[in-house]
């Protein structure tokens, strides 16, 4: 396979990732509504740390070129951006 074919595959994955991230943000917006109704803060440090720990565990078990720390960094940004739609 040549470089262009690999790039096409990456572009397809990017489309899938964008769709999944938008779906995740939609769920987060619904959670934000519930939090607002219950007077809860948008930021839940315990929950976010739990997600980061779980992501690291799963990444370590799965193996692959990305480290658990890399996945934690990615998810940290995802959660930060998603929090914006919860407000």
N, C-alpha and C. Protein backbone atom coordinates (compact mmCIF):
# COMPACT_ATOMS: atom_id res chain seq x y z
N UNK A 1 0.85 -1.17 0.00
CA UNK A 1 0.00 0.00 0.00
C UNK A 1 0.90 1.25 0.00
N UNK A 2 0.51 2.24 -0.79
CA UNK A 2 1.34 3.44 -0.84
C UNK A 2 0.83 4.49 0.16
N UNK A 3 1.57 5.58 0.26
CA UNK A 3 1.27 6.61 1.25
C UNK A 3 -0.13 7.20 1.08
N UNK A 4 -0.56 7.40 -0.16
CA UNK A 4 -1.88 7.97 -0.39
C UNK A 4 -3.00 7.06 0.09
N UNK A 5 -2.82 5.77 -0.08
CA UNK A 5 -3.82 4.82 0.40
C UNK A 5 -3.90 4.84 1.93
N UNK A 6 -2.75 4.94 2.57
CA UNK A 6 -2.74 5.05 4.03
C UNK A 6 -3.42 6.35 4.48
N UNK A 7 -3.17 7.41 3.76
CA UNK A 7 -3.78 8.70 4.10
C UNK A 7 -5.30 8.66 3.93
N UNK A 8 -5.76 7.97 2.92
CA UNK A 8 -7.20 7.82 2.70
C UNK A 8 -7.82 7.07 3.90
N UNK A 9 -7.13 6.05 4.35
CA UNK A 9 -7.61 5.30 5.51
C UNK A 9 -7.66 6.18 6.76
N UNK A 10 -6.64 7.00 6.93
CA UNK A 10 -6.61 7.93 8.07
C UNK A 10 -7.75 8.93 7.96
N UNK A 11 -8.00 9.45 6.77
CA UNK A 11 -9.11 10.39 6.56
C UNK A 11 -10.45 9.74 6.93
N UNK A 12 -10.61 8.49 6.57
CA UNK A 12 -11.85 7.77 6.90
C UNK A 12 -11.99 7.62 8.41
N UNK A 13 -10.88 7.29 9.08
CA UNK A 13 -10.91 7.19 10.53
C UNK A 13 -11.20 8.54 11.19
N UNK A 14 -10.64 9.60 10.62
CA UNK A 14 -10.92 10.94 11.14
C UNK A 14 -12.42 11.24 11.09
N UNK A 15 -13.06 10.85 10.00
CA UNK A 15 -14.51 11.05 9.87
C UNK A 15 -15.25 10.28 10.97
N UNK A 16 -14.83 9.05 11.21
CA UNK A 16 -15.46 8.24 12.24
C UNK A 16 -15.24 8.84 13.63
N UNK A 17 -14.01 9.29 13.88
CA UNK A 17 -13.70 9.90 15.17
C UNK A 17 -14.54 11.16 15.39
N UNK A 18 -14.69 11.97 14.36
CA UNK A 18 -15.49 13.19 14.49
C UNK A 18 -16.94 12.85 14.81
N UNK A 19 -17.48 11.84 14.16
CA UNK A 19 -18.84 11.42 14.42
C UNK A 19 -18.99 10.94 15.86
N UNK A 20 -18.06 10.13 16.32
CA UNK A 20 -18.11 9.62 17.69
C UNK A 20 -17.95 10.74 18.72
N UNK A 21 -17.07 11.68 18.44
CA UNK A 21 -16.87 12.80 19.36
C UNK A 21 -18.11 13.68 19.44
N UNK A 22 -18.78 13.88 18.33
CA UNK A 22 -20.03 14.65 18.35
C UNK A 22 -21.11 13.90 19.11
N UNK A 23 -21.15 12.60 18.96
CA UNK A 23 -22.12 11.78 19.71
C UNK A 23 -21.84 11.89 21.21
N UNK A 24 -20.57 11.81 21.57
CA UNK A 24 -20.16 11.94 22.98
C UNK A 24 -20.56 13.31 23.52
N UNK A 25 -20.35 14.35 22.72
CA UNK A 25 -20.70 15.71 23.14
C UNK A 25 -22.20 15.86 23.32
N UNK A 26 -22.98 15.20 22.48
CA UNK A 26 -24.44 15.22 22.61
C UNK A 26 -24.85 14.61 23.94
N UNK A 27 -24.23 13.49 24.30
CA UNK A 27 -24.51 12.85 25.59
C UNK A 27 -24.11 13.78 26.74
N UNK A 28 -22.96 14.42 26.60
CA UNK A 28 -22.49 15.33 27.64
C UNK A 28 -23.44 16.51 27.80
N UNK A 29 -24.00 17.00 26.71
CA UNK A 29 -24.96 18.10 26.79
C UNK A 29 -26.18 17.67 27.59
N UNK A 30 -26.62 16.44 27.41
CA UNK A 30 -27.76 15.92 28.17
C UNK A 30 -27.40 15.81 29.66
N UNK A 31 -26.20 15.35 29.92
CA UNK A 31 -25.74 15.27 31.31
C UNK A 31 -25.68 16.68 31.91
N UNK A 32 -25.24 17.64 31.11
CA UNK A 32 -25.19 19.03 31.56
C UNK A 32 -26.56 19.55 31.97
N UNK A 33 -27.59 19.18 31.23
CA UNK A 33 -28.96 19.59 31.57
C UNK A 33 -29.37 19.01 32.93
N UNK A 34 -29.04 17.75 33.14
CA UNK A 34 -29.37 17.10 34.41
C UNK A 34 -28.62 17.76 35.56
N UNK A 35 -27.33 18.02 35.34
CA UNK A 35 -26.53 18.69 36.37
C UNK A 35 -27.12 20.05 36.72
N UNK A 36 -27.54 20.78 35.70
CA UNK A 36 -28.12 22.11 35.93
C UNK A 36 -29.41 22.01 36.75
N UNK A 37 -30.26 21.05 36.40
CA UNK A 37 -31.51 20.84 37.13
C UNK A 37 -31.26 20.50 38.59
N UNK A 38 -30.20 19.75 38.84
CA UNK A 38 -29.89 19.30 40.19
C UNK A 38 -28.94 20.25 40.93
N UNK A 39 -28.52 21.31 40.25
CA UNK A 39 -27.62 22.28 40.87
C UNK A 39 -26.21 21.75 41.07
N UNK A 40 -25.81 20.83 40.23
CA UNK A 40 -24.47 20.25 40.32
C UNK A 40 -23.48 21.02 39.45
N UNK A 41 -22.22 21.06 39.83
CA UNK A 41 -21.23 21.73 39.00
C UNK A 41 -20.95 20.94 37.72
N UNK A 42 -20.56 21.65 36.69
CA UNK A 42 -20.22 21.00 35.42
C UNK A 42 -18.99 20.13 35.60
N UNK A 43 -17.99 20.66 36.27
CA UNK A 43 -16.73 19.94 36.46
C UNK A 43 -16.84 19.00 37.65
N UNK A 44 -16.60 17.72 37.38
CA UNK A 44 -16.60 16.69 38.42
C UNK A 44 -15.23 16.03 38.40
N UNK A 45 -14.35 16.54 39.24
CA UNK A 45 -12.96 16.08 39.24
C UNK A 45 -12.84 14.57 39.47
N UNK A 46 -13.64 14.04 40.38
CA UNK A 46 -13.59 12.61 40.67
C UNK A 46 -13.96 11.77 39.45
N UNK A 47 -15.01 12.17 38.76
CA UNK A 47 -15.45 11.44 37.57
C UNK A 47 -14.38 11.51 36.48
N UNK A 48 -13.84 12.70 36.28
CA UNK A 48 -12.83 12.84 35.22
C UNK A 48 -11.58 12.01 35.53
N UNK A 49 -11.18 11.99 36.80
CA UNK A 49 -10.00 11.20 37.16
C UNK A 49 -10.29 9.72 36.98
N UNK A 50 -11.50 9.31 37.29
CA UNK A 50 -11.91 7.92 37.10
C UNK A 50 -11.85 7.53 35.63
N UNK A 51 -12.33 8.42 34.76
CA UNK A 51 -12.27 8.17 33.31
C UNK A 51 -10.81 8.05 32.86
N UNK A 52 -9.97 8.95 33.32
CA UNK A 52 -8.56 8.93 32.92
C UNK A 52 -7.87 7.65 33.39
N UNK A 53 -8.18 7.22 34.61
CA UNK A 53 -7.59 5.98 35.13
C UNK A 53 -8.04 4.78 34.31
N UNK A 54 -9.33 4.73 34.00
CA UNK A 54 -9.87 3.62 33.22
C UNK A 54 -9.27 3.59 31.81
N UNK A 55 -9.14 4.75 31.20
CA UNK A 55 -8.54 4.85 29.86
C UNK A 55 -7.10 4.31 29.89
N UNK A 56 -6.35 4.69 30.92
CA UNK A 56 -4.96 4.23 31.02
C UNK A 56 -4.90 2.72 31.20
N UNK A 57 -5.79 2.18 32.04
CA UNK A 57 -5.83 0.73 32.25
C UNK A 57 -6.14 0.00 30.95
N UNK A 58 -7.15 0.46 30.24
CA UNK A 58 -7.54 -0.19 28.99
C UNK A 58 -6.44 -0.08 27.94
N UNK A 59 -5.80 1.08 27.88
CA UNK A 59 -4.72 1.27 26.90
C UNK A 59 -3.54 0.35 27.21
N UNK A 60 -3.23 0.18 28.49
CA UNK A 60 -2.12 -0.69 28.88
C UNK A 60 -2.43 -2.14 28.49
N UNK A 61 -3.67 -2.57 28.69
CA UNK A 61 -4.06 -3.95 28.35
C UNK A 61 -4.10 -4.16 26.84
N UNK A 62 -4.56 -3.13 26.12
CA UNK A 62 -4.72 -3.27 24.67
C UNK A 62 -3.39 -3.25 23.94
N UNK A 63 -2.41 -2.57 24.49
CA UNK A 63 -1.14 -2.42 23.80
C UNK A 63 -1.30 -1.48 22.62
N UNK A 64 -0.32 -1.39 21.81
CA UNK A 64 -0.39 -0.50 20.65
C UNK A 64 0.66 0.58 20.73
N UNK A 65 0.76 1.35 19.67
CA UNK A 65 1.82 2.35 19.63
C UNK A 65 1.57 3.55 20.55
N UNK A 66 0.32 3.81 20.95
CA UNK A 66 0.06 4.93 21.85
C UNK A 66 0.11 4.45 23.30
N UNK A 67 0.80 5.19 24.13
CA UNK A 67 0.95 4.83 25.54
C UNK A 67 -0.31 5.18 26.32
N UNK A 68 -0.45 4.60 27.51
CA UNK A 68 -1.56 4.99 28.37
C UNK A 68 -1.57 6.49 28.65
N UNK A 69 -0.39 7.07 28.81
CA UNK A 69 -0.30 8.51 29.06
C UNK A 69 -0.79 9.31 27.86
N UNK A 70 -0.51 8.82 26.66
CA UNK A 70 -0.99 9.50 25.45
C UNK A 70 -2.52 9.49 25.42
N UNK A 71 -3.10 8.34 25.75
CA UNK A 71 -4.57 8.27 25.79
C UNK A 71 -5.14 9.18 26.87
N UNK A 72 -4.48 9.25 28.00
CA UNK A 72 -4.95 10.16 29.05
C UNK A 72 -4.91 11.60 28.56
N UNK A 73 -3.85 11.97 27.88
CA UNK A 73 -3.76 13.34 27.35
C UNK A 73 -4.88 13.63 26.35
N UNK A 74 -5.13 12.68 25.48
CA UNK A 74 -6.19 12.84 24.47
C UNK A 74 -7.53 12.99 25.16
N UNK A 75 -7.81 12.13 26.13
CA UNK A 75 -9.10 12.19 26.81
C UNK A 75 -9.24 13.42 27.70
N UNK A 76 -8.13 13.90 28.22
CA UNK A 76 -8.17 15.14 29.01
C UNK A 76 -8.68 16.28 28.13
N UNK A 77 -8.19 16.36 26.91
CA UNK A 77 -8.63 17.40 25.98
C UNK A 77 -10.09 17.17 25.56
N UNK A 78 -10.44 15.93 25.29
CA UNK A 78 -11.82 15.61 24.92
C UNK A 78 -12.77 16.07 26.03
N UNK A 79 -12.44 15.75 27.27
CA UNK A 79 -13.32 16.12 28.38
C UNK A 79 -13.36 17.63 28.57
N UNK A 80 -12.23 18.29 28.39
CA UNK A 80 -12.19 19.75 28.51
C UNK A 80 -13.10 20.40 27.47
N UNK A 81 -13.02 19.94 26.25
CA UNK A 81 -13.85 20.51 25.18
C UNK A 81 -15.32 20.13 25.35
N UNK A 82 -15.57 18.92 25.79
CA UNK A 82 -16.94 18.46 25.99
C UNK A 82 -17.62 19.22 27.12
N UNK A 83 -16.85 19.55 28.14
CA UNK A 83 -17.39 20.31 29.27
C UNK A 83 -18.04 21.62 28.81
N UNK A 84 -17.52 22.17 27.73
CA UNK A 84 -18.05 23.44 27.20
C UNK A 84 -19.50 23.29 26.75
N UNK A 85 -19.89 22.12 26.26
CA UNK A 85 -21.27 21.92 25.82
C UNK A 85 -22.20 21.56 26.98
N UNK A 86 -21.62 21.26 28.14
CA UNK A 86 -22.41 20.97 29.32
C UNK A 86 -22.91 22.24 29.99
N UNK A 87 -22.25 23.34 29.71
CA UNK A 87 -22.58 24.61 30.39
C UNK A 87 -23.86 25.21 29.89
